[in-house]
Amino acid sequence: MATIRHLHQLAVRTGAPRSFCVFGSFVSTEPTPRDVDVILVMRHDFRVEHCPREALTVFTHADAQARFGASVFWLREGMLDEHAMREFFLVWQTKRDGTLRGILEVA
């Protein structure tokens, strides 16, 4: 939970998060989740190069994985239309066996 709190705080420091969603084993019935999986939807005018230095790692997938043990996927609002956004979330919600996993939006 500490990792999720920290990632959320870093995203908030950018001043641009629209949605912060957690999915994967963390929102399952697994007693010991392997890692944290996050989808960030940022404001349409968000630019990585303008975010606080301490938050930069969140927006580079490999760096977030190495530093926080988190898989962070992000996009800007407006990059996808409403239908494509639903499909985007559905892809990440679908497990390899075709069943759906939960997605939790953090306020």
N, C-alpha and C. Protein backbone atom coordinates (compact mmCIF):
# COMPACT_ATOMS: atom_id res chain seq x y z
N MET A 1 0.82 -1.19 0.00
CA MET A 1 0.00 0.00 0.00
C MET A 1 0.87 1.26 0.00
N ALA A 2 2.03 1.17 0.64
CA ALA A 2 2.93 2.32 0.69
C ALA A 2 3.37 2.74 -0.71
N THR A 3 3.61 1.76 -1.58
CA THR A 3 4.02 2.08 -2.95
C THR A 3 2.91 2.81 -3.68
N ILE A 4 1.68 2.36 -3.51
CA ILE A 4 0.56 3.02 -4.18
C ILE A 4 0.43 4.45 -3.67
N ARG A 5 0.51 4.63 -2.36
CA ARG A 5 0.43 5.99 -1.80
C ARG A 5 1.52 6.89 -2.38
N HIS A 6 2.73 6.37 -2.44
CA HIS A 6 3.85 7.16 -2.94
C HIS A 6 3.67 7.52 -4.41
N LEU A 7 3.30 6.55 -5.23
CA LEU A 7 3.05 6.82 -6.65
C LEU A 7 1.93 7.84 -6.83
N HIS A 8 0.88 7.69 -6.03
CA HIS A 8 -0.24 8.64 -6.11
C HIS A 8 0.23 10.05 -5.74
N GLN A 9 1.01 10.18 -4.69
CA GLN A 9 1.54 11.49 -4.29
C GLN A 9 2.40 12.09 -5.39
N LEU A 10 3.24 11.29 -6.02
CA LEU A 10 4.07 11.80 -7.10
C LEU A 10 3.22 12.26 -8.28
N ALA A 11 2.19 11.50 -8.60
CA ALA A 11 1.29 11.90 -9.70
C ALA A 11 0.58 13.21 -9.35
N VAL A 12 0.12 13.33 -8.12
CA VAL A 12 -0.59 14.55 -7.68
C VAL A 12 0.35 15.76 -7.75
N ARG A 13 1.61 15.58 -7.42
CA ARG A 13 2.57 16.70 -7.46
C ARG A 13 2.72 17.30 -8.84
N THR A 14 2.38 16.54 -9.87
CA THR A 14 2.47 17.10 -11.23
C THR A 14 1.35 18.11 -11.47
N GLY A 15 0.28 18.02 -10.66
CA GLY A 15 -0.87 18.90 -10.85
C GLY A 15 -1.73 18.49 -12.02
N ALA A 16 -1.50 17.31 -12.59
CA ALA A 16 -2.19 16.96 -13.83
C ALA A 16 -2.93 15.63 -13.85
N PRO A 17 -3.02 14.88 -12.76
CA PRO A 17 -3.72 13.58 -12.90
C PRO A 17 -5.23 13.76 -13.01
N ARG A 18 -5.83 13.04 -13.93
CA ARG A 18 -7.29 12.99 -14.05
C ARG A 18 -7.83 11.70 -13.44
N SER A 19 -7.02 10.64 -13.54
CA SER A 19 -7.45 9.35 -13.03
C SER A 19 -6.21 8.55 -12.64
N PHE A 20 -6.30 7.89 -11.48
CA PHE A 20 -5.22 7.04 -10.98
C PHE A 20 -5.88 5.71 -10.66
N CYS A 21 -5.60 4.69 -11.44
CA CYS A 21 -6.26 3.39 -11.28
C CYS A 21 -5.24 2.31 -10.97
N VAL A 22 -5.60 1.44 -10.04
CA VAL A 22 -4.77 0.31 -9.65
C VAL A 22 -5.46 -0.96 -10.13
N PHE A 23 -4.70 -1.89 -10.68
CA PHE A 23 -5.28 -3.14 -11.16
C PHE A 23 -4.28 -4.26 -10.92
N GLY A 24 -4.55 -5.42 -11.42
CA GLY A 24 -3.64 -6.55 -11.29
C GLY A 24 -3.79 -7.27 -9.96
N SER A 25 -2.72 -7.92 -9.54
CA SER A 25 -2.79 -8.76 -8.35
C SER A 25 -3.10 -7.96 -7.09
N PHE A 26 -2.80 -6.67 -7.09
CA PHE A 26 -3.06 -5.86 -5.89
C PHE A 26 -4.54 -5.75 -5.57
N VAL A 27 -5.38 -5.76 -6.59
CA VAL A 27 -6.83 -5.66 -6.36
C VAL A 27 -7.51 -7.01 -6.53
N SER A 28 -6.75 -8.07 -6.30
CA SER A 28 -7.30 -9.42 -6.40
C SER A 28 -7.40 -10.01 -4.99
N THR A 29 -7.70 -11.27 -4.94
CA THR A 29 -7.76 -11.96 -3.65
C THR A 29 -6.42 -12.55 -3.25
N GLU A 30 -5.38 -12.28 -4.04
CA GLU A 30 -4.05 -12.80 -3.70
C GLU A 30 -3.60 -12.21 -2.38
N PRO A 31 -3.15 -13.05 -1.46
CA PRO A 31 -2.73 -12.55 -0.15
C PRO A 31 -1.45 -11.72 -0.19
N THR A 32 -0.57 -12.01 -1.15
CA THR A 32 0.68 -11.26 -1.28
C THR A 32 0.90 -10.87 -2.74
N PRO A 33 0.37 -9.72 -3.14
CA PRO A 33 0.53 -9.28 -4.54
C PRO A 33 2.01 -9.16 -4.91
N ARG A 34 2.29 -9.52 -6.15
CA ARG A 34 3.68 -9.50 -6.65
C ARG A 34 4.20 -8.09 -6.87
N ASP A 35 3.36 -7.25 -7.41
CA ASP A 35 3.78 -5.89 -7.74
C ASP A 35 2.56 -4.99 -7.78
N VAL A 36 2.77 -3.76 -8.16
CA VAL A 36 1.69 -2.80 -8.29
C VAL A 36 1.54 -2.45 -9.76
N ASP A 37 0.32 -2.48 -10.26
CA ASP A 37 0.03 -2.10 -11.64
C ASP A 37 -0.86 -0.87 -11.61
N VAL A 38 -0.45 0.18 -12.32
CA VAL A 38 -1.16 1.46 -12.28
C VAL A 38 -1.41 1.96 -13.69
N ILE A 39 -2.59 2.54 -13.89
CA ILE A 39 -2.90 3.27 -15.12
C ILE A 39 -3.15 4.71 -14.69
N LEU A 40 -2.40 5.63 -15.29
CA LEU A 40 -2.58 7.05 -15.04
C LEU A 40 -3.15 7.72 -16.27
N VAL A 41 -4.22 8.46 -16.10
CA VAL A 41 -4.73 9.31 -17.17
C VAL A 41 -4.44 10.74 -16.73
N MET A 42 -3.63 11.42 -17.51
CA MET A 42 -3.20 12.77 -17.17
C MET A 42 -3.97 13.80 -18.00
N ARG A 43 -4.00 15.03 -17.51
CA ARG A 43 -4.68 16.12 -18.24
C ARG A 43 -4.11 16.23 -19.65
N HIS A 44 -4.93 16.73 -20.54
CA HIS A 44 -4.52 16.82 -21.95
C HIS A 44 -3.27 17.68 -22.16
N ASP A 45 -3.03 18.65 -21.28
CA ASP A 45 -1.88 19.55 -21.46
C ASP A 45 -0.65 19.11 -20.66
N PHE A 46 -0.69 17.93 -20.06
CA PHE A 46 0.43 17.43 -19.27
C PHE A 46 1.64 17.17 -20.17
N ARG A 47 2.80 17.60 -19.70
CA ARG A 47 4.05 17.33 -20.40
C ARG A 47 5.05 16.80 -19.38
N VAL A 48 5.61 15.65 -19.65
CA VAL A 48 6.57 15.03 -18.74
C VAL A 48 7.71 15.98 -18.43
N GLU A 49 8.19 16.68 -19.44
CA GLU A 49 9.34 17.56 -19.25
C GLU A 49 9.06 18.72 -18.31
N HIS A 50 7.79 18.96 -17.98
CA HIS A 50 7.44 20.04 -17.06
C HIS A 50 7.08 19.54 -15.66
N CYS A 51 7.12 18.25 -15.43
CA CYS A 51 6.71 17.74 -14.13
C CYS A 51 7.88 17.83 -13.15
N PRO A 52 7.59 17.83 -11.85
CA PRO A 52 8.65 17.89 -10.85
C PRO A 52 9.65 16.75 -11.03
N ARG A 53 10.89 17.06 -10.76
CA ARG A 53 11.97 16.08 -10.97
C ARG A 53 11.70 14.76 -10.25
N GLU A 54 11.19 14.84 -9.02
CA GLU A 54 10.97 13.62 -8.23
C GLU A 54 9.89 12.73 -8.84
N ALA A 55 9.06 13.27 -9.73
CA ALA A 55 7.97 12.50 -10.35
C ALA A 55 8.37 11.89 -11.70
N LEU A 56 9.49 12.27 -12.24
CA LEU A 56 9.88 11.80 -13.58
C LEU A 56 9.91 10.28 -13.70
N THR A 57 10.38 9.60 -12.68
CA THR A 57 10.51 8.14 -12.72
C THR A 57 9.18 7.46 -12.97
N VAL A 58 8.09 8.05 -12.50
CA VAL A 58 6.76 7.46 -12.66
C VAL A 58 6.40 7.31 -14.13
N PHE A 59 6.89 8.20 -14.97
CA PHE A 59 6.46 8.26 -16.37
C PHE A 59 7.39 7.53 -17.33
N THR A 60 8.35 6.80 -16.80
CA THR A 60 9.20 5.91 -17.60
C THR A 60 8.99 4.51 -17.06
N HIS A 61 8.34 3.67 -17.86
CA HIS A 61 7.92 2.35 -17.41
C HIS A 61 9.05 1.55 -16.75
N ALA A 62 10.18 1.44 -17.41
CA ALA A 62 11.29 0.64 -16.88
C ALA A 62 11.83 1.22 -15.58
N ASP A 63 11.90 2.55 -15.49
CA ASP A 63 12.40 3.19 -14.27
C ASP A 63 11.43 2.98 -13.11
N ALA A 64 10.14 3.09 -13.37
CA ALA A 64 9.13 2.87 -12.31
C ALA A 64 9.19 1.42 -11.83
N GLN A 65 9.40 0.51 -12.75
CA GLN A 65 9.50 -0.91 -12.37
C GLN A 65 10.74 -1.14 -11.50
N ALA A 66 11.87 -0.58 -11.91
CA ALA A 66 13.11 -0.78 -11.16
C ALA A 66 13.08 -0.10 -9.80
N ARG A 67 12.56 1.10 -9.75
CA ARG A 67 12.61 1.86 -8.50
C ARG A 67 11.49 1.52 -7.52
N PHE A 68 10.27 1.33 -8.05
CA PHE A 68 9.11 1.14 -7.18
C PHE A 68 8.52 -0.26 -7.23
N GLY A 69 8.97 -1.10 -8.16
CA GLY A 69 8.35 -2.40 -8.35
C GLY A 69 6.94 -2.24 -8.88
N ALA A 70 6.74 -1.22 -9.70
CA ALA A 70 5.41 -0.89 -10.22
C ALA A 70 5.43 -0.80 -11.74
N SER A 71 4.40 -1.35 -12.35
CA SER A 71 4.19 -1.18 -13.78
C SER A 71 3.22 -0.02 -13.95
N VAL A 72 3.72 1.07 -14.50
CA VAL A 72 2.90 2.27 -14.67
C VAL A 72 2.68 2.49 -16.16
N PHE A 73 1.41 2.55 -16.53
CA PHE A 73 1.01 2.83 -17.90
C PHE A 73 0.26 4.16 -17.86
N TRP A 74 0.59 5.07 -18.75
CA TRP A 74 -0.07 6.37 -18.68
C TRP A 74 -0.38 6.91 -20.07
N LEU A 75 -1.34 7.80 -20.11
CA LEU A 75 -1.72 8.49 -21.33
C LEU A 75 -2.36 9.82 -20.97
N ARG A 76 -2.47 10.68 -21.95
CA ARG A 76 -3.14 11.98 -21.75
C ARG A 76 -4.61 11.85 -22.15
N GLU A 77 -5.48 12.55 -21.39
CA GLU A 77 -6.88 12.56 -21.78
C GLU A 77 -6.99 13.17 -23.16
N GLY A 78 -7.92 12.68 -23.93
CA GLY A 78 -8.10 13.16 -25.29
C GLY A 78 -7.28 12.39 -26.32
N MET A 79 -6.31 11.60 -25.87
CA MET A 79 -5.53 10.80 -26.82
C MET A 79 -6.40 9.72 -27.43
N LEU A 80 -7.38 9.26 -26.66
CA LEU A 80 -8.30 8.23 -27.12
C LEU A 80 -9.72 8.74 -26.99
N ASP A 81 -10.57 8.39 -27.95
CA ASP A 81 -11.98 8.75 -27.79
C ASP A 81 -12.60 7.84 -26.73
N GLU A 82 -13.85 8.09 -26.38
CA GLU A 82 -14.50 7.36 -25.29
C GLU A 82 -14.49 5.84 -25.52
N HIS A 83 -14.78 5.42 -26.74
CA HIS A 83 -14.79 3.99 -27.06
C HIS A 83 -13.39 3.39 -26.91
N ALA A 84 -12.40 4.06 -27.46
CA ALA A 84 -11.02 3.55 -27.38
C ALA A 84 -10.54 3.52 -25.93
N MET A 85 -10.97 4.48 -25.12
CA MET A 85 -10.58 4.50 -23.71
C MET A 85 -11.17 3.29 -22.98
N ARG A 86 -12.43 2.96 -23.26
CA ARG A 86 -13.03 1.76 -22.66
C ARG A 86 -12.27 0.51 -23.08
N GLU A 87 -11.90 0.43 -24.35
CA GLU A 87 -11.13 -0.71 -24.85
C GLU A 87 -9.76 -0.78 -24.19
N PHE A 88 -9.12 0.37 -24.02
CA PHE A 88 -7.82 0.43 -23.36
C PHE A 88 -7.91 -0.18 -21.96
N PHE A 89 -8.91 0.23 -21.18
CA PHE A 89 -9.08 -0.31 -19.83
C PHE A 89 -9.47 -1.79 -19.87
N LEU A 90 -10.28 -2.17 -20.85
CA LEU A 90 -10.68 -3.58 -20.96
C LEU A 90 -9.47 -4.48 -21.21
N VAL A 91 -8.56 -4.02 -22.05
CA VAL A 91 -7.34 -4.80 -22.32
C VAL A 91 -6.58 -5.05 -21.03
N TRP A 92 -6.39 -4.03 -20.22
CA TRP A 92 -5.64 -4.17 -18.98
C TRP A 92 -6.42 -4.91 -17.91
N GLN A 93 -7.73 -4.94 -18.05
CA GLN A 93 -8.57 -5.65 -17.09
C GLN A 93 -8.66 -7.15 -17.38
N THR A 94 -8.35 -7.55 -18.60
CA THR A 94 -8.50 -8.94 -19.02
C THR A 94 -7.24 -9.74 -18.71
N LYS A 95 -7.41 -10.82 -17.98
CA LYS A 95 -6.29 -11.69 -17.63
C LYS A 95 -6.00 -12.63 -18.80
N ARG A 96 -4.88 -13.30 -18.74
CA ARG A 96 -4.47 -14.21 -19.82
C ARG A 96 -5.50 -15.29 -20.10
N ASP A 97 -6.23 -15.71 -19.05
CA ASP A 97 -7.22 -16.78 -19.24
C ASP A 97 -8.57 -16.23 -19.72
N GLY A 98 -8.64 -14.92 -19.99
CA GLY A 98 -9.87 -14.32 -20.53
C GLY A 98 -10.82 -13.80 -19.48
N THR A 99 -10.58 -14.10 -18.21
CA THR A 99 -11.44 -13.57 -17.15
C THR A 99 -11.02 -12.14 -16.85
N LEU A 100 -11.91 -11.43 -16.17
CA LEU A 100 -11.64 -10.02 -15.85
C LEU A 100 -11.14 -9.87 -14.43
N ARG A 101 -10.21 -8.95 -14.27
CA ARG A 101 -9.71 -8.59 -12.94
C ARG A 101 -10.28 -7.22 -12.58
N GLY A 102 -10.21 -6.91 -11.33
CA GLY A 102 -10.72 -5.62 -10.88
C GLY A 102 -9.78 -4.47 -11.23
N ILE A 103 -10.38 -3.30 -11.33
CA ILE A 103 -9.64 -2.06 -11.48
C ILE A 103 -10.21 -1.11 -10.44
N LEU A 104 -9.33 -0.51 -9.64
CA LEU A 104 -9.75 0.37 -8.57
C LEU A 104 -9.26 1.77 -8.85
N GLU A 105 -10.19 2.73 -8.93
CA GLU A 105 -9.79 4.12 -9.12
C GLU A 105 -9.56 4.76 -7.77
N VAL A 106 -8.41 5.38 -7.61
CA VAL A 106 -8.05 6.05 -6.35
C VAL A 106 -8.36 7.53 -6.50
N ALA A 107 -9.07 8.07 -5.54
CA ALA A 107 -9.45 9.50 -5.62
C ALA A 107 -8.28 10.40 -5.27
